[in-house]
Amino acid sequence: GQIGQAAYSASKGGVAGMTLPMARELARCGIRVVAVAPGIFETAMMQAAPAAVRDSLQEQTLFPPRFGDPSEFAAFVRQIFENSMLNGATLRLDGAVRMGPK
């Protein structure tokens, strides 16, 4: 996480940490649990961001050199849904982006 975002980082860690125990707990009900940790996607929020913010984020996006498209996120979730063996995992969909400190 970035400087000043300890609470935000802790909340994300909490989701990742509870994914496997929830998958084990809900298995008896036939429910799978998979968490998706998305990167930067071209959403209405990103489109409304100031150009300086978008440019800064774009510089940190190496490959593919663009923000994700919401259709890619939807396709990823569909792949998770279609693979019944996938359970108890936190999967990143972020183009290997790791935000630097502010």
PDB file of N, CA and C in Angstrom:
ATOM      1  N   GLY A   1       0.812  -1.195   0.000  1.00  0.00           N
ATOM      2  CA  GLY A   1       0.000   0.000   0.000  1.00  0.00           C
ATOM      3  C   GLY A   1       0.849   1.250   0.000  1.00  0.00           C
ATOM      4  N   GLN A   2       0.202   2.335  -0.252  1.00  0.00           N
ATOM      5  CA  GLN A   2       0.890   3.615  -0.300  1.00  0.00           C
ATOM      6  C   GLN A   2       0.953   4.255   1.080  1.00  0.00           C
ATOM      7  N   ILE A   3       1.826   5.238   1.220  1.00  0.00           N
ATOM      8  CA  ILE A   3       1.952   5.980   2.461  1.00  0.00           C
ATOM      9  C   ILE A   3       0.611   6.629   2.777  1.00  0.00           C
ATOM     10  N   GLY A   4       0.177   6.499   4.023  1.00  0.00           N
ATOM     11  CA  GLY A   4      -1.081   7.090   4.441  1.00  0.00           C
ATOM     12  C   GLY A   4      -2.300   6.227   4.180  1.00  0.00           C
ATOM     13  N   GLN A   5      -2.091   5.018   3.704  1.00  0.00           N
ATOM     14  CA  GLN A   5      -3.228   4.150   3.388  1.00  0.00           C
ATOM     15  C   GLN A   5      -3.192   2.845   4.172  1.00  0.00           C
ATOM     16  N   ALA A   6      -2.763   2.910   5.424  1.00  0.00           N
ATOM     17  CA  ALA A   6      -2.670   1.695   6.238  1.00  0.00           C
ATOM     18  C   ALA A   6      -4.035   1.048   6.430  1.00  0.00           C
ATOM     19  N   ALA A   7      -5.063   1.844   6.719  1.00  0.00           N
ATOM     20  CA  ALA A   7      -6.401   1.279   6.929  1.00  0.00           C
ATOM     21  C   ALA A   7      -6.929   0.645   5.647  1.00  0.00           C
ATOM     22  N   TYR A   8      -6.724   1.309   4.526  1.00  0.00           N
ATOM     23  CA  TYR A   8      -7.150   0.773   3.229  1.00  0.00           C
ATOM     24  C   TYR A   8      -6.445  -0.551   2.948  1.00  0.00           C
ATOM     25  N   SER A   9      -5.140  -0.574   3.170  1.00  0.00           N
ATOM     26  CA  SER A   9      -4.352  -1.783   2.948  1.00  0.00           C
ATOM     27  C   SER A   9      -4.803  -2.911   3.867  1.00  0.00           C
ATOM     28  N   ALA A  10      -5.087  -2.583   5.119  1.00  0.00           N
ATOM     29  CA  ALA A  10      -5.541  -3.599   6.074  1.00  0.00           C
ATOM     30  C   ALA A  10      -6.877  -4.192   5.657  1.00  0.00           C
ATOM     31  N   SER A  11      -7.770  -3.365   5.122  1.00  0.00           N
ATOM     32  CA  SER A  11      -9.070  -3.889   4.690  1.00  0.00           C
ATOM     33  C   SER A  11      -8.903  -4.846   3.519  1.00  0.00           C
ATOM     34  N   LYS A  12      -8.010  -4.528   2.608  1.00  0.00           N
ATOM     35  CA  LYS A  12      -7.753  -5.423   1.472  1.00  0.00           C
ATOM     36  C   LYS A  12      -7.114  -6.720   1.956  1.00  0.00           C
ATOM     37  N   GLY A  13      -6.192  -6.612   2.911  1.00  0.00           N
ATOM     38  CA  GLY A  13      -5.578  -7.806   3.486  1.00  0.00           C
ATOM     39  C   GLY A  13      -6.586  -8.670   4.209  1.00  0.00           C
ATOM     40  N   GLY A  14      -7.571  -8.027   4.843  1.00  0.00           N
ATOM     41  CA  GLY A  14      -8.625  -8.775   5.524  1.00  0.00           C
ATOM     42  C   GLY A  14      -9.447  -9.601   4.560  1.00  0.00           C
ATOM     43  N   VAL A  15      -9.776  -9.025   3.416  1.00  0.00           N
ATOM     44  CA  VAL A  15     -10.539  -9.765   2.403  1.00  0.00           C
ATOM     45  C   VAL A  15      -9.717 -10.947   1.903  1.00  0.00           C
ATOM     46  N   ALA A  16      -8.450 -10.716   1.596  1.00  0.00           N
ATOM     47  CA  ALA A  16      -7.591 -11.802   1.123  1.00  0.00           C
ATOM     48  C   ALA A  16      -7.445 -12.883   2.190  1.00  0.00           C
ATOM     49  N   GLY A  17      -7.306 -12.466   3.446  1.00  0.00           N
ATOM     50  CA  GLY A  17      -7.118 -13.421   4.533  1.00  0.00           C
ATOM     51  C   GLY A  17      -8.333 -14.264   4.839  1.00  0.00           C
ATOM     52  N   MET A  18      -9.524 -13.746   4.591  1.00  0.00           N
ATOM     53  CA  MET A  18     -10.726 -14.523   4.919  1.00  0.00           C
ATOM     54  C   MET A  18     -11.213 -15.385   3.759  1.00  0.00           C
ATOM     55  N   THR A  19     -10.614 -15.243   2.582  1.00  0.00           N
ATOM     56  CA  THR A  19     -11.100 -15.968   1.409  1.00  0.00           C
ATOM     57  C   THR A  19     -10.997 -17.476   1.584  1.00  0.00           C
ATOM     58  N   LEU A  20      -9.851 -17.992   1.974  1.00  0.00           N
ATOM     59  CA  LEU A  20      -9.694 -19.441   2.144  1.00  0.00           C
ATOM     60  C   LEU A  20     -10.551 -19.986   3.288  1.00  0.00           C
ATOM     61  N   PRO A  21     -10.539 -19.378   4.482  1.00  0.00           N
ATOM     62  CA  PRO A  21     -11.415 -19.893   5.539  1.00  0.00           C
ATOM     63  C   PRO A  21     -12.896 -19.873   5.153  1.00  0.00           C
ATOM     64  N   MET A  22     -13.320 -18.837   4.435  1.00  0.00           N
ATOM     65  CA  MET A  22     -14.717 -18.801   3.998  1.00  0.00           C
ATOM     66  C   MET A  22     -15.008 -19.912   3.001  1.00  0.00           C
ATOM     67  N   ALA A  23     -14.055 -20.175   2.104  1.00  0.00           N
ATOM     68  CA  ALA A  23     -14.244 -21.251   1.128  1.00  0.00           C
ATOM     69  C   ALA A  23     -14.393 -22.590   1.837  1.00  0.00           C
ATOM     70  N   ARG A  24     -13.584 -22.816   2.848  1.00  0.00           N
ATOM     71  CA  ARG A  24     -13.673 -24.073   3.604  1.00  0.00           C
ATOM     72  C   ARG A  24     -14.985 -24.157   4.374  1.00  0.00           C
ATOM     73  N   GLU A  25     -15.389 -23.053   4.968  1.00  0.00           N
ATOM     74  CA  GLU A  25     -16.614 -23.033   5.761  1.00  0.00           C
ATOM     75  C   GLU A  25     -17.862 -23.227   4.900  1.00  0.00           C
ATOM     76  N   LEU A  26     -17.871 -22.639   3.717  1.00  0.00           N
ATOM     77  CA  LEU A  26     -19.054 -22.693   2.864  1.00  0.00           C
ATOM     78  C   LEU A  26     -19.066 -23.876   1.899  1.00  0.00           C
ATOM     79  N   ALA A  27     -17.991 -24.661   1.892  1.00  0.00           N
ATOM     80  CA  ALA A  27     -17.912 -25.812   0.985  1.00  0.00           C
ATOM     81  C   ALA A  27     -19.067 -26.779   1.197  1.00  0.00           C
ATOM     82  N   ARG A  28     -19.456 -26.981   2.439  1.00  0.00           N
ATOM     83  CA  ARG A  28     -20.544 -27.927   2.725  1.00  0.00           C
ATOM     84  C   ARG A  28     -21.874 -27.473   2.127  1.00  0.00           C
ATOM     85  N   CYS A  29     -21.972 -26.201   1.790  1.00  0.00           N
ATOM     86  CA  CYS A  29     -23.182 -25.657   1.155  1.00  0.00           C
ATOM     87  C   CYS A  29     -23.042 -25.592  -0.367  1.00  0.00           C
ATOM     88  N   GLY A  30     -21.905 -26.062  -0.882  1.00  0.00           N
ATOM     89  CA  GLY A  30     -21.670 -26.014  -2.321  1.00  0.00           C
ATOM     90  C   GLY A  30     -21.343 -24.622  -2.836  1.00  0.00           C
ATOM     91  N   ILE A  31     -20.819 -23.782  -1.955  1.00  0.00           N
ATOM     92  CA  ILE A  31     -20.487 -22.408  -2.331  1.00  0.00           C
ATOM     93  C   ILE A  31     -18.977 -22.254  -2.412  1.00  0.00           C
ATOM     94  N   ARG A  32     -18.504 -21.718  -3.523  1.00  0.00           N
ATOM     95  CA  ARG A  32     -17.089 -21.408  -3.683  1.00  0.00           C
ATOM     96  C   ARG A  32     -16.860 -19.939  -3.363  1.00  0.00           C
ATOM     97  N   VAL A  33     -15.659 -19.620  -2.886  1.00  0.00           N
ATOM     98  CA  VAL A  33     -15.300 -18.239  -2.563  1.00  0.00           C
ATOM     99  C   VAL A  33     -13.985 -17.908  -3.266  1.00  0.00           C
ATOM    100  N   VAL A  34     -14.029 -16.896  -4.103  1.00  0.00           N
ATOM    101  CA  VAL A  34     -12.842 -16.417  -4.806  1.00  0.00           C
ATOM    102  C   VAL A  34     -12.863 -14.894  -4.735  1.00  0.00           C
ATOM    103  N   ALA A  35     -11.752 -14.301  -4.360  1.00  0.00           N
ATOM    104  CA  ALA A  35     -11.642 -12.840  -4.323  1.00  0.00           C
ATOM    105  C   ALA A  35     -10.851 -12.368  -5.533  1.00  0.00           C
ATOM    106  N   VAL A  36     -11.277 -11.269  -6.105  1.00  0.00           N
ATOM    107  CA  VAL A  36     -10.558 -10.658  -7.220  1.00  0.00           C
ATOM    108  C   VAL A  36      -9.959  -9.348  -6.722  1.00  0.00           C
ATOM    109  N   ALA A  37      -8.660  -9.189  -6.921  1.00  0.00           N
ATOM    110  CA  ALA A  37      -7.950  -7.965  -6.559  1.00  0.00           C
ATOM    111  C   ALA A  37      -7.651  -7.207  -7.854  1.00  0.00           C
ATOM    112  N   PRO A  38      -8.536  -6.282  -8.210  1.00  0.00           N
ATOM    113  CA  PRO A  38      -8.373  -5.602  -9.498  1.00  0.00           C
ATOM    114  C   PRO A  38      -7.359  -4.472  -9.445  1.00  0.00           C
ATOM    115  N   GLY A  39      -6.811  -4.188 -10.598  1.00  0.00           N
ATOM    116  CA  GLY A  39      -5.939  -3.037 -10.753  1.00  0.00           C
ATOM    117  C   GLY A  39      -6.756  -1.831 -11.180  1.00  0.00           C
ATOM    118  N   ILE A  40      -6.208  -1.054 -12.077  1.00  0.00           N
ATOM    119  CA  ILE A  40      -6.849   0.183 -12.525  1.00  0.00           C
ATOM    120  C   ILE A  40      -7.663  -0.113 -13.781  1.00  0.00           C
ATOM    121  N   PHE A  41      -8.947   0.158 -13.701  1.00  0.00           N
ATOM    122  CA  PHE A  41      -9.835  -0.096 -14.831  1.00  0.00           C
ATOM    123  C   PHE A  41     -10.460   1.204 -15.314  1.00  0.00           C
ATOM    124  N   GLU A  42     -10.745   1.245 -16.590  1.00  0.00           N
ATOM    125  CA  GLU A  42     -11.336   2.417 -17.242  1.00  0.00           C
ATOM    126  C   GLU A  42     -12.822   2.486 -16.895  1.00  0.00           C
ATOM    127  N   THR A  43     -13.096   3.014 -15.720  1.00  0.00           N
ATOM    128  CA  THR A  43     -14.463   3.136 -15.221  1.00  0.00           C
ATOM    129  C   THR A  43     -14.874   4.610 -15.239  1.00  0.00           C
ATOM    130  N   ALA A  44     -16.123   4.871 -14.905  1.00  0.00           N
ATOM    131  CA  ALA A  44     -16.597   6.254 -14.841  1.00  0.00           C
ATOM    132  C   ALA A  44     -15.765   7.063 -13.845  1.00  0.00           C
ATOM    133  N   MET A  45     -15.372   6.435 -12.733  1.00  0.00           N
ATOM    134  CA  MET A  45     -14.559   7.135 -11.742  1.00  0.00           C
ATOM    135  C   MET A  45     -13.210   7.538 -12.340  1.00  0.00           C
ATOM    136  N   MET A  46     -12.584   6.635 -13.086  1.00  0.00           N
ATOM    137  CA  MET A  46     -11.290   6.959 -13.696  1.00  0.00           C
ATOM    138  C   MET A  46     -11.451   8.004 -14.787  1.00  0.00           C
ATOM    139  N   GLN A  47     -12.521   7.926 -15.542  1.00  0.00           N
ATOM    140  CA  GLN A  47     -12.753   8.901 -16.607  1.00  0.00           C
ATOM    141  C   GLN A  47     -12.966  10.296 -16.031  1.00  0.00           C
ATOM    142  N   ALA A  48     -13.496  10.374 -14.815  1.00  0.00           N
ATOM    143  CA  ALA A  48     -13.736  11.667 -14.169  1.00  0.00           C
ATOM    144  C   ALA A  48     -12.504  12.202 -13.439  1.00  0.00           C
ATOM    145  N   ALA A  49     -11.471  11.391 -13.324  1.00  0.00           N
ATOM    146  CA  ALA A  49     -10.261  11.816 -12.608  1.00  0.00           C
ATOM    147  C   ALA A  49      -9.544  12.914 -13.394  1.00  0.00           C
ATOM    148  N   PRO A  50      -8.883  13.818 -12.692  1.00  0.00           N
ATOM    149  CA  PRO A  50      -8.110  14.861 -13.377  1.00  0.00           C
ATOM    150  C   PRO A  50      -7.027  14.244 -14.269  1.00  0.00           C
ATOM    151  N   ALA A  51      -6.706  14.936 -15.336  1.00  0.00           N
ATOM    152  CA  ALA A  51      -5.716  14.438 -16.292  1.00  0.00           C
ATOM    153  C   ALA A  51      -4.387  14.127 -15.615  1.00  0.00           C
ATOM    154  N   ALA A  52      -3.975  14.941 -14.655  1.00  0.00           N
ATOM    155  CA  ALA A  52      -2.700  14.710 -13.966  1.00  0.00           C
ATOM    156  C   ALA A  52      -2.716  13.380 -13.216  1.00  0.00           C
ATOM    157  N   VAL A  53      -3.843  13.049 -12.610  1.00  0.00           N
ATOM    158  CA  VAL A  53      -3.969  11.773 -11.890  1.00  0.00           C
ATOM    159  C   VAL A  53      -3.929  10.618 -12.877  1.00  0.00           C
ATOM    160  N   ARG A  54      -4.697  10.729 -13.949  1.00  0.00           N
ATOM    161  CA  ARG A  54      -4.720   9.667 -14.967  1.00  0.00           C
ATOM    162  C   ARG A  54      -3.323   9.453 -15.556  1.00  0.00           C
ATOM    163  N   ASP A  55      -2.641  10.550 -15.871  1.00  0.00           N
ATOM    164  CA  ASP A  55      -1.300  10.451 -16.453  1.00  0.00           C
ATOM    165  C   ASP A  55      -0.332   9.778 -15.489  1.00  0.00           C
ATOM    166  N   SER A  56      -0.403  10.140 -14.218  1.00  0.00           N
ATOM    167  CA  SER A  56       0.475   9.541 -13.210  1.00  0.00           C
ATOM    168  C   SER A  56       0.233   8.037 -13.103  1.00  0.00           C
ATOM    169  N   LEU A  57      -1.024   7.652 -13.077  1.00  0.00           N
ATOM    170  CA  LEU A  57      -1.351   6.224 -12.999  1.00  0.00           C
ATOM    171  C   LEU A  57      -0.928   5.494 -14.268  1.00  0.00           C
ATOM    172  N   GLN A  58      -1.123   6.138 -15.411  1.00  0.00           N
ATOM    173  CA  GLN A  58      -0.760   5.520 -16.691  1.00  0.00           C
ATOM    174  C   GLN A  58       0.744   5.242 -16.752  1.00  0.00           C
ATOM    175  N   GLU A  59       1.552   6.131 -16.175  1.00  0.00           N
ATOM    176  CA  GLU A  59       3.003   5.942 -16.164  1.00  0.00           C
ATOM    177  C   GLU A  59       3.408   4.685 -15.400  1.00  0.00           C
ATOM    178  N   GLN A  60       2.606   4.272 -14.438  1.00  0.00           N
ATOM    179  CA  GLN A  60       2.916   3.100 -13.621  1.00  0.00           C
ATOM    180  C   GLN A  60       2.365   1.807 -14.222  1.00  0.00           C
ATOM    181  N   THR A  61       1.668   1.922 -15.334  1.00  0.00           N
ATOM    182  CA  THR A  61       1.033   0.778 -15.979  1.00  0.00           C
ATOM    183  C   THR A  61       1.933   0.321 -17.120  1.00  0.00           C
ATOM    184  N   LEU A  62       2.703  -0.747 -16.885  1.00  0.00           N
ATOM    185  CA  LEU A  62       3.725  -1.157 -17.845  1.00  0.00           C
ATOM    186  C   LEU A  62       3.195  -2.043 -18.967  1.00  0.00           C
ATOM    187  N   PHE A  63       2.548  -3.153 -18.624  1.00  0.00           N
ATOM    188  CA  PHE A  63       2.049  -4.044 -19.674  1.00  0.00           C
ATOM    189  C   PHE A  63       0.840  -4.814 -19.191  1.00  0.00           C
ATOM    190  N   PRO A  64      -0.242  -4.704 -19.893  1.00  0.00           N
ATOM    191  CA  PRO A  64      -0.399  -3.859 -21.069  1.00  0.00           C
ATOM    192  C   PRO A  64      -0.375  -2.377 -20.684  1.00  0.00           C
ATOM    193  N   PRO A  65       0.129  -1.524 -21.575  1.00  0.00           N
ATOM    194  CA  PRO A  65       0.323  -0.106 -21.241  1.00  0.00           C
ATOM    195  C   PRO A  65      -0.971   0.708 -21.318  1.00  0.00           C
ATOM    196  N   ARG A  66      -1.967   0.299 -20.534  1.00  0.00           N
ATOM    197  CA  ARG A  66      -3.272   0.959 -20.546  1.00  0.00           C
ATOM    198  C   ARG A  66      -4.032   0.526 -19.305  1.00  0.00           C
ATOM    199  N   PHE A  67      -5.121   1.197 -19.034  1.00  0.00           N
ATOM    200  CA  PHE A  67      -6.004   0.758 -17.956  1.00  0.00           C
ATOM    201  C   PHE A  67      -6.810  -0.436 -18.450  1.00  0.00           C
ATOM    202  N   GLY A  68      -7.261  -1.260 -17.516  1.00  0.00           N
ATOM    203  CA  GLY A  68      -8.085  -2.400 -17.887  1.00  0.00           C
ATOM    204  C   GLY A  68      -9.450  -1.963 -18.389  1.00  0.00           C
ATOM    205  N   ASP A  69     -10.028  -2.797 -19.227  1.00  0.00           N
ATOM    206  CA  ASP A  69     -11.371  -2.551 -19.732  1.00  0.00           C
ATOM    207  C   ASP A  69     -12.359  -3.352 -18.879  1.00  0.00           C
ATOM    208  N   PRO A  70     -13.492  -2.770 -18.517  1.00  0.00           N
ATOM    209  CA  PRO A  70     -14.462  -3.514 -17.715  1.00  0.00           C
ATOM    210  C   PRO A  70     -14.861  -4.859 -18.323  1.00  0.00           C
ATOM    211  N   SER A  71     -14.829  -4.972 -19.643  1.00  0.00           N
ATOM    212  CA  SER A  71     -15.164  -6.255 -20.274  1.00  0.00           C
ATOM    213  C   SER A  71     -14.125  -7.322 -19.935  1.00  0.00           C
ATOM    214  N   GLU A  72     -12.870  -6.910 -19.703  1.00  0.00           N
ATOM    215  CA  GLU A  72     -11.836  -7.865 -19.295  1.00  0.00           C
ATOM    216  C   GLU A  72     -12.102  -8.373 -17.885  1.00  0.00           C
ATOM    217  N   PHE A  73     -12.570  -7.484 -17.016  1.00  0.00           N
ATOM    218  CA  PHE A  73     -12.932  -7.894 -15.659  1.00  0.00           C
ATOM    219  C   PHE A  73     -14.088  -8.886 -15.713  1.00  0.00           C
ATOM    220  N   ALA A  74     -15.095  -8.579 -16.523  1.00  0.00           N
ATOM    221  CA  ALA A  74     -16.252  -9.472 -16.654  1.00  0.00           C
ATOM    222  C   ALA A  74     -15.830 -10.836 -17.191  1.00  0.00           C
ATOM    223  N   ALA A  75     -14.940 -10.852 -18.174  1.00  0.00           N
ATOM    224  CA  ALA A  75     -14.465 -12.120 -18.736  1.00  0.00           C
ATOM    225  C   ALA A  75     -13.715 -12.930 -17.687  1.00  0.00           C
ATOM    226  N   PHE A  76     -12.936 -12.249 -16.853  1.00  0.00           N
ATOM    227  CA  PHE A  76     -12.184 -12.920 -15.792  1.00  0.00           C
ATOM    228  C   PHE A  76     -13.129 -13.574 -14.792  1.00  0.00           C
ATOM    229  N   VAL A  77     -14.156 -12.838 -14.384  1.00  0.00           N
ATOM    230  CA  VAL A  77     -15.133 -13.389 -13.442  1.00  0.00           C
ATOM    231  C   VAL A  77     -15.857 -14.578 -14.066  1.00  0.00           C
ATOM    232  N   ARG A  78     -16.148 -14.480 -15.346  1.00  0.00           N
ATOM    233  CA  ARG A  78     -16.790 -15.610 -16.034  1.00  0.00           C
ATOM    234  C   ARG A  78     -15.882 -16.840 -16.006  1.00  0.00           C
ATOM    235  N   GLN A  79     -14.586 -16.645 -16.245  1.00  0.00           N
ATOM    236  CA  GLN A  79     -13.643 -17.766 -16.198  1.00  0.00           C
ATOM    237  C   GLN A  79     -13.606 -18.385 -14.808  1.00  0.00           C
ATOM    238  N   ILE A  80     -13.655 -17.565 -13.784  1.00  0.00           N
ATOM    239  CA  ILE A  80     -13.701 -18.080 -12.407  1.00  0.00           C
ATOM    240  C   ILE A  80     -14.957 -18.914 -12.217  1.00  0.00           C
ATOM    241  N   PHE A  81     -16.079 -18.390 -12.654  1.00  0.00           N
ATOM    242  CA  PHE A  81     -17.362 -19.081 -12.511  1.00  0.00           C
ATOM    243  C   PHE A  81     -17.349 -20.426 -13.236  1.00  0.00           C
ATOM    244  N   GLU A  82     -16.748 -20.465 -14.412  1.00  0.00           N
ATOM    245  CA  GLU A  82     -16.760 -21.675 -15.235  1.00  0.00           C
ATOM    246  C   GLU A  82     -15.804 -22.750 -14.741  1.00  0.00           C
ATOM    247  N   ASN A  83     -14.817 -22.406 -13.922  1.00  0.00           N
ATOM    248  CA  ASN A  83     -13.843 -23.380 -13.438  1.00  0.00           C
ATOM    249  C   ASN A  83     -14.207 -23.784 -12.013  1.00  0.00           C
ATOM    250  N   SER A  84     -14.913 -24.890 -11.886  1.00  0.00           N
ATOM    251  CA  SER A  84     -15.421 -25.302 -10.571  1.00  0.00           C
ATOM    252  C   SER A  84     -14.321 -25.759  -9.617  1.00  0.00           C
ATOM    253  N   MET A  85     -13.113 -25.955 -10.100  1.00  0.00           N
ATOM    254  CA  MET A  85     -12.006 -26.355  -9.233  1.00  0.00           C
ATOM    255  C   MET A  85     -11.383 -25.151  -8.522  1.00  0.00           C
ATOM    256  N   LEU A  86     -11.654 -23.984  -9.015  1.00  0.00           N
ATOM    257  CA  LEU A  86     -11.083 -22.768  -8.444  1.00  0.00           C
ATOM    258  C   LEU A  86     -11.880 -22.366  -7.212  1.00  0.00           C
ATOM    259  N   ASN A  87     -11.206 -22.347  -6.064  1.00  0.00           N
ATOM    260  CA  ASN A  87     -11.876 -22.058  -4.804  1.00  0.00           C
ATOM    261  C   ASN A  87     -10.841 -21.628  -3.770  1.00  0.00           C
ATOM    262  N   GLY A  88     -11.206 -20.663  -2.938  1.00  0.00           N
ATOM    263  CA  GLY A  88     -10.348 -20.262  -1.823  1.00  0.00           C
ATOM    264  C   GLY A  88      -9.139 -19.444  -2.211  1.00  0.00           C
ATOM    265  N   ALA A  89      -9.188 -18.773  -3.349  1.00  0.00           N
ATOM    266  CA  ALA A  89      -8.022 -18.041  -3.843  1.00  0.00           C
ATOM    267  C   ALA A  89      -8.325 -16.553  -3.974  1.00  0.00           C
ATOM    268  N   THR A  90      -7.281 -15.760  -3.847  1.00  0.00           N
ATOM    269  CA  THR A  90      -7.346 -14.341  -4.180  1.00  0.00           C
ATOM    270  C   THR A  90      -6.534 -14.159  -5.448  1.00  0.00           C
ATOM    271  N   LEU A  91      -7.177 -13.694  -6.490  1.00  0.00           N
ATOM    272  CA  LEU A  91      -6.543 -13.571  -7.800  1.00  0.00           C
ATOM    273  C   LEU A  91      -6.402 -12.104  -8.181  1.00  0.00           C
ATOM    274  N   ARG A  92      -5.221 -11.743  -8.635  1.00  0.00           N
ATOM    275  CA  ARG A  92      -4.964 -10.369  -9.069  1.00  0.00           C
ATOM    276  C   ARG A  92      -5.303 -10.242 -10.550  1.00  0.00           C
ATOM    277  N   LEU A  93      -5.925  -9.151 -10.893  1.00  0.00           N
ATOM    278  CA  LEU A  93      -6.176  -8.800 -12.294  1.00  0.00           C
ATOM    279  C   LEU A  93      -5.728  -7.352 -12.451  1.00  0.00           C
ATOM    280  N   ASP A  94      -4.416  -7.178 -12.560  1.00  0.00           N
ATOM    281  CA  ASP A  94      -3.865  -5.826 -12.450  1.00  0.00           C
ATOM    282  C   ASP A  94      -2.704  -5.528 -13.391  1.00  0.00           C
ATOM    283  N   GLY A  95      -2.431  -6.408 -14.343  1.00  0.00           N
ATOM    284  CA  GLY A  95      -1.336  -6.137 -15.266  1.00  0.00           C
ATOM    285  C   GLY A  95       0.003  -5.964 -14.569  1.00  0.00           C
ATOM    286  N   ALA A  96       0.179  -6.568 -13.415  1.00  0.00           N
ATOM    287  CA  ALA A  96       1.414  -6.519 -12.621  1.00  0.00           C
ATOM    288  C   ALA A  96       1.719  -5.122 -12.076  1.00  0.00           C
ATOM    289  N   VAL A  97       0.718  -4.248 -11.996  1.00  0.00           N
ATOM    290  CA  VAL A  97       0.919  -2.898 -11.461  1.00  0.00           C
ATOM    291  C   VAL A  97       1.083  -2.960  -9.949  1.00  0.00           C
ATOM    292  N   ARG A  98       2.098  -2.296  -9.442  1.00  0.00           N
ATOM    293  CA  ARG A  98       2.297  -2.100  -8.013  1.00  0.00           C
ATOM    294  C   ARG A  98       2.537  -0.612  -7.825  1.00  0.00           C
ATOM    295  N   MET A  99       1.641   0.021  -7.113  1.00  0.00           N
ATOM    296  CA  MET A  99       1.717   1.468  -6.950  1.00  0.00           C
ATOM    297  C   MET A  99       2.918   1.845  -6.084  1.00  0.00           C
ATOM    298  N   GLY A 100       3.656   2.830  -6.531  1.00  0.00           N
ATOM    299  CA  GLY A 100       4.780   3.337  -5.762  1.00  0.00           C
ATOM    300  C   GLY A 100       4.297   4.237  -4.638  1.00  0.00           C
ATOM    301  N   PRO A 101       5.172   4.583  -3.699  1.00  0.00           N
ATOM    302  CA  PRO A 101       4.764   5.490  -2.621  1.00  0.00           C
ATOM    303  C   PRO A 101       4.440   6.870  -3.184  1.00  0.00           C
ATOM    304  N   LYS A 102       3.596   7.579  -2.475  1.00  0.00           N
ATOM    305  CA  LYS A 102       3.224   8.939  -2.916  1.00  0.00           C
ATOM    306  C   LYS A 102       4.399   9.870  -2.778  1.00  0.00           C
TER     307      LYS A 102
END
